[in-house]
């Protein structure tokens, strides 16, 4: 696990997501996507995410599917913002 801006990051077993971060103090979820053939690595922060939803995400059988179904598709519940990616090794 790595720490960044009070967020604790952990690698996950997913072809779509490289790392998941979480800051329980402000209920912010971080998602780091790996670089693809046509896209650079990227990072997004989602606000209003409960500790329970974070736990369900990182323990899901399919982290990418859970993220798409319950977080990404619910921008009304979890507003998000793209972050500057400082570490190109993501």
PDB file of N, CA and C in Angstrom:
ATOM      1  N   UNK A   1       0.840  -1.184   0.000  1.00  0.00           N
ATOM      2  CA  UNK A   1       0.000   0.000   0.000  1.00  0.00           C
ATOM      3  C   UNK A   1       0.885   1.246   0.000  1.00  0.00           C
ATOM      4  N   UNK A   2       0.428   2.249  -0.703  1.00  0.00           N
ATOM      5  CA  UNK A   2       1.139   3.522  -0.695  1.00  0.00           C
ATOM      6  C   UNK A   2       0.204   4.612  -0.195  1.00  0.00           C
ATOM      7  N   UNK A   3       0.787   5.664   0.370  1.00  0.00           N
ATOM      8  CA  UNK A   3      -0.011   6.768   0.901  1.00  0.00           C
ATOM      9  C   UNK A   3       0.162   7.993   0.009  1.00  0.00           C
ATOM     10  N   UNK A   4      -0.931   8.663  -0.299  1.00  0.00           N
ATOM     11  CA  UNK A   4      -0.890   9.866  -1.119  1.00  0.00           C
ATOM     12  C   UNK A   4      -1.990  10.808  -0.666  1.00  0.00           C
ATOM     13  N   UNK A   5      -1.615  12.006  -0.200  1.00  0.00           N
ATOM     14  CA  UNK A   5      -2.602  12.997   0.239  1.00  0.00           C
ATOM     15  C   UNK A   5      -3.613  12.417   1.218  1.00  0.00           C
ATOM     16  N   UNK A   6      -3.116  11.702   2.255  1.00  0.00           N
ATOM     17  CA  UNK A   6      -3.979  11.125   3.274  1.00  0.00           C
ATOM     18  C   UNK A   6      -4.803   9.946   2.757  1.00  0.00           C
ATOM     19  N   UNK A   7      -4.618   9.581   1.491  1.00  0.00           N
ATOM     20  CA  UNK A   7      -5.354   8.467   0.927  1.00  0.00           C
ATOM     21  C   UNK A   7      -4.455   7.233   0.986  1.00  0.00           C
ATOM     22  N   UNK A   8      -5.006   6.119   1.414  1.00  0.00           N
ATOM     23  CA  UNK A   8      -4.258   4.866   1.463  1.00  0.00           C
ATOM     24  C   UNK A   8      -4.581   4.092   0.197  1.00  0.00           C
ATOM     25  N   UNK A   9      -3.540   3.757  -0.574  1.00  0.00           N
ATOM     26  CA  UNK A   9      -3.706   3.074  -1.859  1.00  0.00           C
ATOM     27  C   UNK A   9      -3.344   1.608  -1.724  1.00  0.00           C
ATOM     28  N   UNK A  10      -4.074   0.775  -2.447  1.00  0.00           N
ATOM     29  CA  UNK A  10      -3.730  -0.640  -2.512  1.00  0.00           C
ATOM     30  C   UNK A  10      -3.942  -1.157  -3.925  1.00  0.00           C
ATOM     31  N   UNK A  11      -3.036  -2.023  -4.348  1.00  0.00           N
ATOM     32  CA  UNK A  11      -3.183  -2.656  -5.655  1.00  0.00           C
ATOM     33  C   UNK A  11      -4.333  -3.647  -5.573  1.00  0.00           C
ATOM     34  N   UNK A  12      -5.057  -3.783  -6.685  1.00  0.00           N
ATOM     35  CA  UNK A  12      -6.170  -4.729  -6.740  1.00  0.00           C
ATOM     36  C   UNK A  12      -5.972  -5.658  -7.922  1.00  0.00           C
ATOM     37  N   UNK A  13      -6.586  -6.830  -7.834  1.00  0.00           N
ATOM     38  CA  UNK A  13      -6.497  -7.815  -8.899  1.00  0.00           C
ATOM     39  C   UNK A  13      -7.586  -7.506  -9.927  1.00  0.00           C
ATOM     40  N   UNK A  14      -7.218  -6.671 -10.907  1.00  0.00           N
ATOM     41  CA  UNK A  14      -8.181  -6.232 -11.911  1.00  0.00           C
ATOM     42  C   UNK A  14      -7.439  -5.879 -13.192  1.00  0.00           C
ATOM     43  N   UNK A  15      -8.025  -6.204 -14.318  1.00  0.00           N
ATOM     44  CA  UNK A  15      -7.428  -5.808 -15.598  1.00  0.00           C
ATOM     45  C   UNK A  15      -7.785  -4.363 -15.941  1.00  0.00           C
ATOM     46  N   UNK A  16      -8.806  -3.812 -15.267  1.00  0.00           N
ATOM     47  CA  UNK A  16      -9.273  -2.464 -15.562  1.00  0.00           C
ATOM     48  C   UNK A  16      -8.752  -1.408 -14.599  1.00  0.00           C
ATOM     49  N   UNK A  17      -8.461  -1.795 -13.360  1.00  0.00           N
ATOM     50  CA  UNK A  17      -8.091  -0.857 -12.306  1.00  0.00           C
ATOM     51  C   UNK A  17      -6.749  -1.272 -11.714  1.00  0.00           C
ATOM     52  N   UNK A  18      -5.815  -0.321 -11.613  1.00  0.00           N
ATOM     53  CA  UNK A  18      -4.492  -0.629 -11.069  1.00  0.00           C
ATOM     54  C   UNK A  18      -4.486  -0.575  -9.546  1.00  0.00           C
ATOM     55  N   UNK A  19      -5.045   0.513  -8.979  1.00  0.00           N
ATOM     56  CA  UNK A  19      -5.044   0.700  -7.533  1.00  0.00           C
ATOM     57  C   UNK A  19      -6.333   1.384  -7.098  1.00  0.00           C
ATOM     58  N   UNK A  20      -6.705   1.099  -5.857  1.00  0.00           N
ATOM     59  CA  UNK A  20      -7.856   1.755  -5.233  1.00  0.00           C
ATOM     60  C   UNK A  20      -7.341   2.449  -3.974  1.00  0.00           C
ATOM     61  N   UNK A  21      -7.727   3.698  -3.817  1.00  0.00           N
ATOM     62  CA  UNK A  21      -7.352   4.444  -2.625  1.00  0.00           C
ATOM     63  C   UNK A  21      -8.593   4.875  -1.875  1.00  0.00           C
ATOM     64  N   UNK A  22      -8.416   5.149  -0.590  1.00  0.00           N
ATOM     65  CA  UNK A  22      -9.562   5.606   0.191  1.00  0.00           C
ATOM     66  C   UNK A  22      -9.095   6.490   1.334  1.00  0.00           C
ATOM     67  N   UNK A  23      -9.833   7.568   1.548  1.00  0.00           N
ATOM     68  CA  UNK A  23      -9.611   8.466   2.673  1.00  0.00           C
ATOM     69  C   UNK A  23     -10.906   8.493   3.476  1.00  0.00           C
ATOM     70  N   UNK A  24     -10.970   7.765   4.600  1.00  0.00           N
ATOM     71  CA  UNK A  24     -12.214   7.720   5.357  1.00  0.00           C
ATOM     72  C   UNK A  24     -12.592   9.053   5.997  1.00  0.00           C
ATOM     73  N   UNK A  25     -11.605   9.906   6.243  1.00  0.00           N
ATOM     74  CA  UNK A  25     -11.898  11.199   6.887  1.00  0.00           C
ATOM     75  C   UNK A  25     -12.812  12.063   6.027  1.00  0.00           C
ATOM     76  N   UNK A  26     -12.606  12.034   4.704  1.00  0.00           N
ATOM     77  CA  UNK A  26     -13.478  12.837   3.836  1.00  0.00           C
ATOM     78  C   UNK A  26     -14.278  11.981   2.855  1.00  0.00           C
ATOM     79  N   UNK A  27     -14.286  10.664   3.084  1.00  0.00           N
ATOM     80  CA  UNK A  27     -15.088   9.717   2.292  1.00  0.00           C
ATOM     81  C   UNK A  27     -14.809   9.843   0.795  1.00  0.00           C
ATOM     82  N   UNK A  28     -13.509   9.922   0.472  1.00  0.00           N
ATOM     83  CA  UNK A  28     -13.098  10.028  -0.922  1.00  0.00           C
ATOM     84  C   UNK A  28     -12.459   8.724  -1.380  1.00  0.00           C
ATOM     85  N   UNK A  29     -12.938   8.218  -2.512  1.00  0.00           N
ATOM     86  CA  UNK A  29     -12.413   7.015  -3.135  1.00  0.00           C
ATOM     87  C   UNK A  29     -11.536   7.425  -4.308  1.00  0.00           C
ATOM     88  N   UNK A  30     -10.354   6.849  -4.398  1.00  0.00           N
ATOM     89  CA  UNK A  30      -9.473   7.099  -5.530  1.00  0.00           C
ATOM     90  C   UNK A  30      -9.382   5.858  -6.387  1.00  0.00           C
ATOM     91  N   UNK A  31      -9.431   6.046  -7.681  1.00  0.00           N
ATOM     92  CA  UNK A  31      -9.286   4.937  -8.628  1.00  0.00           C
ATOM     93  C   UNK A  31      -8.163   5.298  -9.586  1.00  0.00           C
ATOM     94  N   UNK A  32      -7.173   4.427  -9.698  1.00  0.00           N
ATOM     95  CA  UNK A  32      -6.082   4.613 -10.659  1.00  0.00           C
ATOM     96  C   UNK A  32      -6.221   3.569 -11.748  1.00  0.00           C
ATOM     97  N   UNK A  33      -6.349   4.068 -12.970  1.00  0.00           N
ATOM     98  CA  UNK A  33      -6.460   3.199 -14.132  1.00  0.00           C
ATOM     99  C   UNK A  33      -5.095   3.073 -14.781  1.00  0.00           C
ATOM    100  N   UNK A  34      -4.725   1.872 -15.204  1.00  0.00           N
ATOM    101  CA  UNK A  34      -3.422   1.706 -15.854  1.00  0.00           C
ATOM    102  C   UNK A  34      -3.428   2.317 -17.245  1.00  0.00           C
ATOM    103  N   UNK A  35      -2.232   2.575 -17.758  1.00  0.00           N
ATOM    104  CA  UNK A  35      -2.112   3.055 -19.133  1.00  0.00           C
ATOM    105  C   UNK A  35      -2.542   1.937 -20.075  1.00  0.00           C
ATOM    106  N   UNK A  36      -3.208   2.329 -21.144  1.00  0.00           N
ATOM    107  CA  UNK A  36      -3.616   1.365 -22.155  1.00  0.00           C
ATOM    108  C   UNK A  36      -2.870   1.627 -23.446  1.00  0.00           C
ATOM    109  N   UNK A  37      -3.217   0.891 -24.468  1.00  0.00           N
ATOM    110  CA  UNK A  37      -2.556   1.073 -25.763  1.00  0.00           C
ATOM    111  C   UNK A  37      -2.799   2.462 -26.334  1.00  0.00           C
ATOM    112  N   UNK A  38      -3.984   3.012 -26.055  1.00  0.00           N
ATOM    113  CA  UNK A  38      -4.346   4.316 -26.624  1.00  0.00           C
ATOM    114  C   UNK A  38      -4.562   5.401 -25.582  1.00  0.00           C
ATOM    115  N   UNK A  39      -4.352   5.072 -24.306  1.00  0.00           N
ATOM    116  CA  UNK A  39      -4.614   6.077 -23.280  1.00  0.00           C
ATOM    117  C   UNK A  39      -3.555   6.021 -22.179  1.00  0.00           C
ATOM    118  N   UNK A  40      -3.212   7.184 -21.633  1.00  0.00           N
ATOM    119  CA  UNK A  40      -2.255   7.209 -20.524  1.00  0.00           C
ATOM    120  C   UNK A  40      -2.924   6.761 -19.223  1.00  0.00           C
ATOM    121  N   UNK A  41      -2.124   6.492 -18.220  1.00  0.00           N
ATOM    122  CA  UNK A  41      -2.667   6.176 -16.902  1.00  0.00           C
ATOM    123  C   UNK A  41      -3.500   7.368 -16.433  1.00  0.00           C
ATOM    124  N   UNK A  42      -4.531   7.094 -15.640  1.00  0.00           N
ATOM    125  CA  UNK A  42      -5.378   8.178 -15.153  1.00  0.00           C
ATOM    126  C   UNK A  42      -5.830   7.885 -13.729  1.00  0.00           C
ATOM    127  N   UNK A  43      -6.239   8.948 -13.040  1.00  0.00           N
ATOM    128  CA  UNK A  43      -6.693   8.829 -11.656  1.00  0.00           C
ATOM    129  C   UNK A  43      -7.931   9.694 -11.472  1.00  0.00           C
ATOM    130  N   UNK A  44      -8.926   9.128 -10.816  1.00  0.00           N
ATOM    131  CA  UNK A  44     -10.165   9.844 -10.523  1.00  0.00           C
ATOM    132  C   UNK A  44     -10.466   9.722  -9.037  1.00  0.00           C
ATOM    133  N   UNK A  45     -11.046  10.782  -8.474  1.00  0.00           N
ATOM    134  CA  UNK A  45     -11.487  10.768  -7.086  1.00  0.00           C
ATOM    135  C   UNK A  45     -13.001  10.926  -7.046  1.00  0.00           C
ATOM    136  N   UNK A  46     -13.642  10.045  -6.279  1.00  0.00           N
ATOM    137  CA  UNK A  46     -15.095  10.027  -6.130  1.00  0.00           C
ATOM    138  C   UNK A  46     -15.428  10.400  -4.690  1.00  0.00           C
ATOM    139  N   UNK A  47     -16.337  11.340  -4.499  1.00  0.00           N
ATOM    140  CA  UNK A  47     -16.675  11.802  -3.153  1.00  0.00           C
ATOM    141  C   UNK A  47     -17.970  11.174  -2.659  1.00  0.00           C
ATOM    142  N   UNK A  48     -18.113  11.148  -1.338  1.00  0.00           N
ATOM    143  CA  UNK A  48     -19.327  10.624  -0.724  1.00  0.00           C
ATOM    144  C   UNK A  48     -19.384   9.117  -0.638  1.00  0.00           C
ATOM    145  N   UNK A  49     -18.237   8.456  -0.755  1.00  0.00           N
ATOM    146  CA  UNK A  49     -18.206   6.988  -0.752  1.00  0.00           C
ATOM    147  C   UNK A  49     -18.046   6.496   0.689  1.00  0.00           C
ATOM    148  N   UNK A  50     -18.975   5.670   1.130  1.00  0.00           N
ATOM    149  CA  UNK A  50     -18.936   5.159   2.506  1.00  0.00           C
ATOM    150  C   UNK A  50     -17.837   4.111   2.658  1.00  0.00           C
ATOM    151  N   UNK A  51     -17.385   3.897   3.892  1.00  0.00           N
ATOM    152  CA  UNK A  51     -16.405   2.828   4.128  1.00  0.00           C
ATOM    153  C   UNK A  51     -16.936   1.457   3.682  1.00  0.00           C
ATOM    154  N   UNK A  52     -18.235   1.249   3.805  1.00  0.00           N
ATOM    155  CA  UNK A  52     -18.827  -0.029   3.400  1.00  0.00           C
ATOM    156  C   UNK A  52     -18.710  -0.240   1.892  1.00  0.00           C
ATOM    157  N   UNK A  53     -18.983   0.800   1.115  1.00  0.00           N
ATOM    158  CA  UNK A  53     -18.875   0.691  -0.350  1.00  0.00           C
ATOM    159  C   UNK A  53     -17.417   0.474  -0.742  1.00  0.00           C
ATOM    160  N   UNK A  54     -16.494   1.165  -0.089  1.00  0.00           N
ATOM    161  CA  UNK A  54     -15.069   0.949  -0.369  1.00  0.00           C
ATOM    162  C   UNK A  54     -14.698  -0.504  -0.091  1.00  0.00           C
ATOM    163  N   UNK A  55     -15.125  -1.033   1.039  1.00  0.00           N
ATOM    164  CA  UNK A  55     -14.823  -2.420   1.397  1.00  0.00           C
ATOM    165  C   UNK A  55     -15.417  -3.395   0.376  1.00  0.00           C
ATOM    166  N   UNK A  56     -16.664  -3.160  -0.007  1.00  0.00           N
ATOM    167  CA  UNK A  56     -17.306  -4.027  -1.001  1.00  0.00           C
ATOM    168  C   UNK A  56     -16.550  -3.987  -2.324  1.00  0.00           C
ATOM    169  N   UNK A  57     -16.051  -2.810  -2.701  1.00  0.00           N
ATOM    170  CA  UNK A  57     -15.295  -2.685  -3.949  1.00  0.00           C
ATOM    171  C   UNK A  57     -14.018  -3.517  -3.905  1.00  0.00           C
ATOM    172  N   UNK A  58     -13.198  -3.321  -2.889  1.00  0.00           N
ATOM    173  CA  UNK A  58     -11.891  -3.995  -2.866  1.00  0.00           C
ATOM    174  C   UNK A  58     -11.993  -5.486  -2.592  1.00  0.00           C
ATOM    175  N   UNK A  59     -13.139  -5.960  -2.086  1.00  0.00           N
ATOM    176  CA  UNK A  59     -13.309  -7.389  -1.836  1.00  0.00           C
ATOM    177  C   UNK A  59     -14.209  -8.066  -2.872  1.00  0.00           C
ATOM    178  N   UNK A  60     -14.654  -7.319  -3.880  1.00  0.00           N
ATOM    179  CA  UNK A  60     -15.542  -7.879  -4.902  1.00  0.00           C
ATOM    180  C   UNK A  60     -14.823  -8.937  -5.738  1.00  0.00           C
ATOM    181  N   UNK A  61     -15.578  -9.914  -6.217  1.00  0.00           N
ATOM    182  CA  UNK A  61     -15.005 -10.927  -7.110  1.00  0.00           C
ATOM    183  C   UNK A  61     -14.437 -10.265  -8.356  1.00  0.00           C
ATOM    184  N   UNK A  62     -15.134  -9.239  -8.849  1.00  0.00           N
ATOM    185  CA  UNK A  62     -14.656  -8.461  -9.990  1.00  0.00           C
ATOM    186  C   UNK A  62     -14.679  -6.984  -9.599  1.00  0.00           C
ATOM    187  N   UNK A  63     -13.497  -6.457  -9.290  1.00  0.00           N
ATOM    188  CA  UNK A  63     -13.389  -5.061  -8.870  1.00  0.00           C
ATOM    189  C   UNK A  63     -13.896  -4.127  -9.971  1.00  0.00           C
ATOM    190  N   UNK A  64     -13.513  -4.390 -11.215  1.00  0.00           N
ATOM    191  CA  UNK A  64     -13.931  -3.545 -12.331  1.00  0.00           C
ATOM    192  C   UNK A  64     -15.435  -3.546 -12.537  1.00  0.00           C
ATOM    193  N   UNK A  65     -16.044  -4.712 -12.445  1.00  0.00           N
ATOM    194  CA  UNK A  65     -17.503  -4.801 -12.614  1.00  0.00           C
ATOM    195  C   UNK A  65     -18.231  -4.090 -11.489  1.00  0.00           C
ATOM    196  N   UNK A  66     -17.769  -4.289 -10.250  1.00  0.00           N
ATOM    197  CA  UNK A  66     -18.397  -3.607  -9.116  1.00  0.00           C
ATOM    198  C   UNK A  66     -18.288  -2.094  -9.285  1.00  0.00           C
ATOM    199  N   UNK A  67     -17.091  -1.638  -9.636  1.00  0.00           N
ATOM    200  CA  UNK A  67     -16.878  -0.206  -9.832  1.00  0.00           C
ATOM    201  C   UNK A  67     -17.828   0.343 -10.890  1.00  0.00           C
ATOM    202  N   UNK A  68     -17.921  -0.315 -12.034  1.00  0.00           N
ATOM    203  CA  UNK A  68     -18.782   0.158 -13.115  1.00  0.00           C
ATOM    204  C   UNK A  68     -20.251   0.172 -12.739  1.00  0.00           C
ATOM    205  N   UNK A  69     -20.690  -0.855 -12.039  1.00  0.00           N
ATOM    206  CA  UNK A  69     -22.107  -0.993 -11.715  1.00  0.00           C
ATOM    207  C   UNK A  69     -22.558  -0.090 -10.572  1.00  0.00           C
ATOM    208  N   UNK A  70     -21.738   0.022  -9.523  1.00  0.00           N
ATOM    209  CA  UNK A  70     -22.205   0.692  -8.311  1.00  0.00           C
ATOM    210  C   UNK A  70     -21.586   2.064  -8.033  1.00  0.00           C
ATOM    211  N   UNK A  71     -20.512   2.419  -8.727  1.00  0.00           N
ATOM    212  CA  UNK A  71     -19.860   3.705  -8.450  1.00  0.00           C
ATOM    213  C   UNK A  71     -19.830   4.588  -9.688  1.00  0.00           C
ATOM    214  N   UNK A  72     -19.191   4.121 -10.740  1.00  0.00           N
ATOM    215  CA  UNK A  72     -19.059   4.939 -11.954  1.00  0.00           C
ATOM    216  C   UNK A  72     -20.416   5.337 -12.535  1.00  0.00           C
ATOM    217  N   UNK A  73     -21.347   4.417 -12.523  1.00  0.00           N
ATOM    218  CA  UNK A  73     -22.672   4.690 -13.098  1.00  0.00           C
ATOM    219  C   UNK A  73     -23.546   5.563 -12.200  1.00  0.00           C
ATOM    220  N   UNK A  74     -23.061   5.873 -10.987  1.00  0.00           N
ATOM    221  CA  UNK A  74     -23.864   6.649 -10.036  1.00  0.00           C
ATOM    222  C   UNK A  74     -23.215   8.000  -9.743  1.00  0.00           C
ATOM    223  N   UNK A  75     -22.954   8.768 -10.784  1.00  0.00           N
ATOM    224  CA  UNK A  75     -22.356  10.103 -10.609  1.00  0.00           C
ATOM    225  C   UNK A  75     -23.262  11.012  -9.782  1.00  0.00           C
ATOM    226  N   UNK A  76     -24.558  10.689  -9.727  1.00  0.00           N
ATOM    227  CA  UNK A  76     -25.472  11.463  -8.888  1.00  0.00           C
ATOM    228  C   UNK A  76     -25.158  11.253  -7.401  1.00  0.00           C
ATOM    229  N   UNK A  77     -24.719  10.058  -7.031  1.00  0.00           N
ATOM    230  CA  UNK A  77     -24.349   9.763  -5.645  1.00  0.00           C
ATOM    231  C   UNK A  77     -22.881  10.056  -5.356  1.00  0.00           C
ATOM    232  N   UNK A  78     -22.034   9.792  -6.358  1.00  0.00           N
ATOM    233  CA  UNK A  78     -20.587   9.888  -6.176  1.00  0.00           C
ATOM    234  C   UNK A  78     -19.969  10.817  -7.224  1.00  0.00           C
ATOM    235  N   UNK A  79     -20.069  12.134  -7.014  1.00  0.00           N
ATOM    236  CA  UNK A  79     -19.444  13.063  -7.960  1.00  0.00           C
ATOM    237  C   UNK A  79     -17.945  12.787  -8.025  1.00  0.00           C
ATOM    238  N   UNK A  80     -17.354  13.007  -9.205  1.00  0.00           N
ATOM    239  CA  UNK A  80     -15.946  12.681  -9.368  1.00  0.00           C
ATOM    240  C   UNK A  80     -15.186  13.792 -10.068  1.00  0.00           C
ATOM    241  N   UNK A  81     -13.872  13.734  -9.926  1.00  0.00           N
ATOM    242  CA  UNK A  81     -12.984  14.694 -10.589  1.00  0.00           C
ATOM    243  C   UNK A  81     -11.725  13.958 -11.023  1.00  0.00           C
ATOM    244  N   UNK A  82     -11.292  14.229 -12.240  1.00  0.00           N
ATOM    245  CA  UNK A  82     -10.033  13.664 -12.735  1.00  0.00           C
ATOM    246  C   UNK A  82      -8.877  14.382 -12.063  1.00  0.00           C
ATOM    247  N   UNK A  83      -7.849  13.630 -11.695  1.00  0.00           N
ATOM    248  CA  UNK A  83      -6.688  14.176 -10.999  1.00  0.00           C
ATOM    249  C   UNK A  83      -5.478  14.219 -11.936  1.00  0.00           C
ATOM    250  N   UNK A  84      -4.531  15.064 -11.604  1.00  0.00           N
ATOM    251  CA  UNK A  84      -3.247  15.062 -12.313  1.00  0.00           C
ATOM    252  C   UNK A  84      -2.511  13.790 -11.924  1.00  0.00           C
ATOM    253  N   UNK A  85      -1.996  13.071 -12.890  1.00  0.00           N
ATOM    254  CA  UNK A  85      -1.217  11.881 -12.593  1.00  0.00           C
ATOM    255  C   UNK A  85       0.248  12.271 -12.574  1.00  0.00           C
ATOM    256  N   UNK A  86       0.847  12.191 -11.374  1.00  0.00           N
ATOM    257  CA  UNK A  86       2.242  12.577 -11.220  1.00  0.00           C
ATOM    258  C   UNK A  86       3.181  11.402 -11.441  1.00  0.00           C
ATOM    259  N   UNK A  87       2.700  10.196 -11.146  1.00  0.00           N
ATOM    260  CA  UNK A  87       3.548   9.013 -11.258  1.00  0.00           C
ATOM    261  C   UNK A  87       3.193   8.273 -12.534  1.00  0.00           C
ATOM    262  N   UNK A  88       4.054   8.360 -13.532  1.00  0.00           N
ATOM    263  CA  UNK A  88       3.784   7.707 -14.814  1.00  0.00           C
ATOM    264  C   UNK A  88       3.876   6.203 -14.709  1.00  0.00           C
ATOM    265  N   UNK A  89       4.361   5.670 -13.582  1.00  0.00           N
ATOM    266  CA  UNK A  89       4.492   4.239 -13.417  1.00  0.00           C
ATOM    267  C   UNK A  89       3.229   3.552 -12.970  1.00  0.00           C
ATOM    268  N   UNK A  90       2.120   4.257 -12.930  1.00  0.00           N
ATOM    269  CA  UNK A  90       0.850   3.659 -12.491  1.00  0.00           C
ATOM    270  C   UNK A  90       0.402   2.630 -13.486  1.00  0.00           C
TER     271      UNK A  90
END
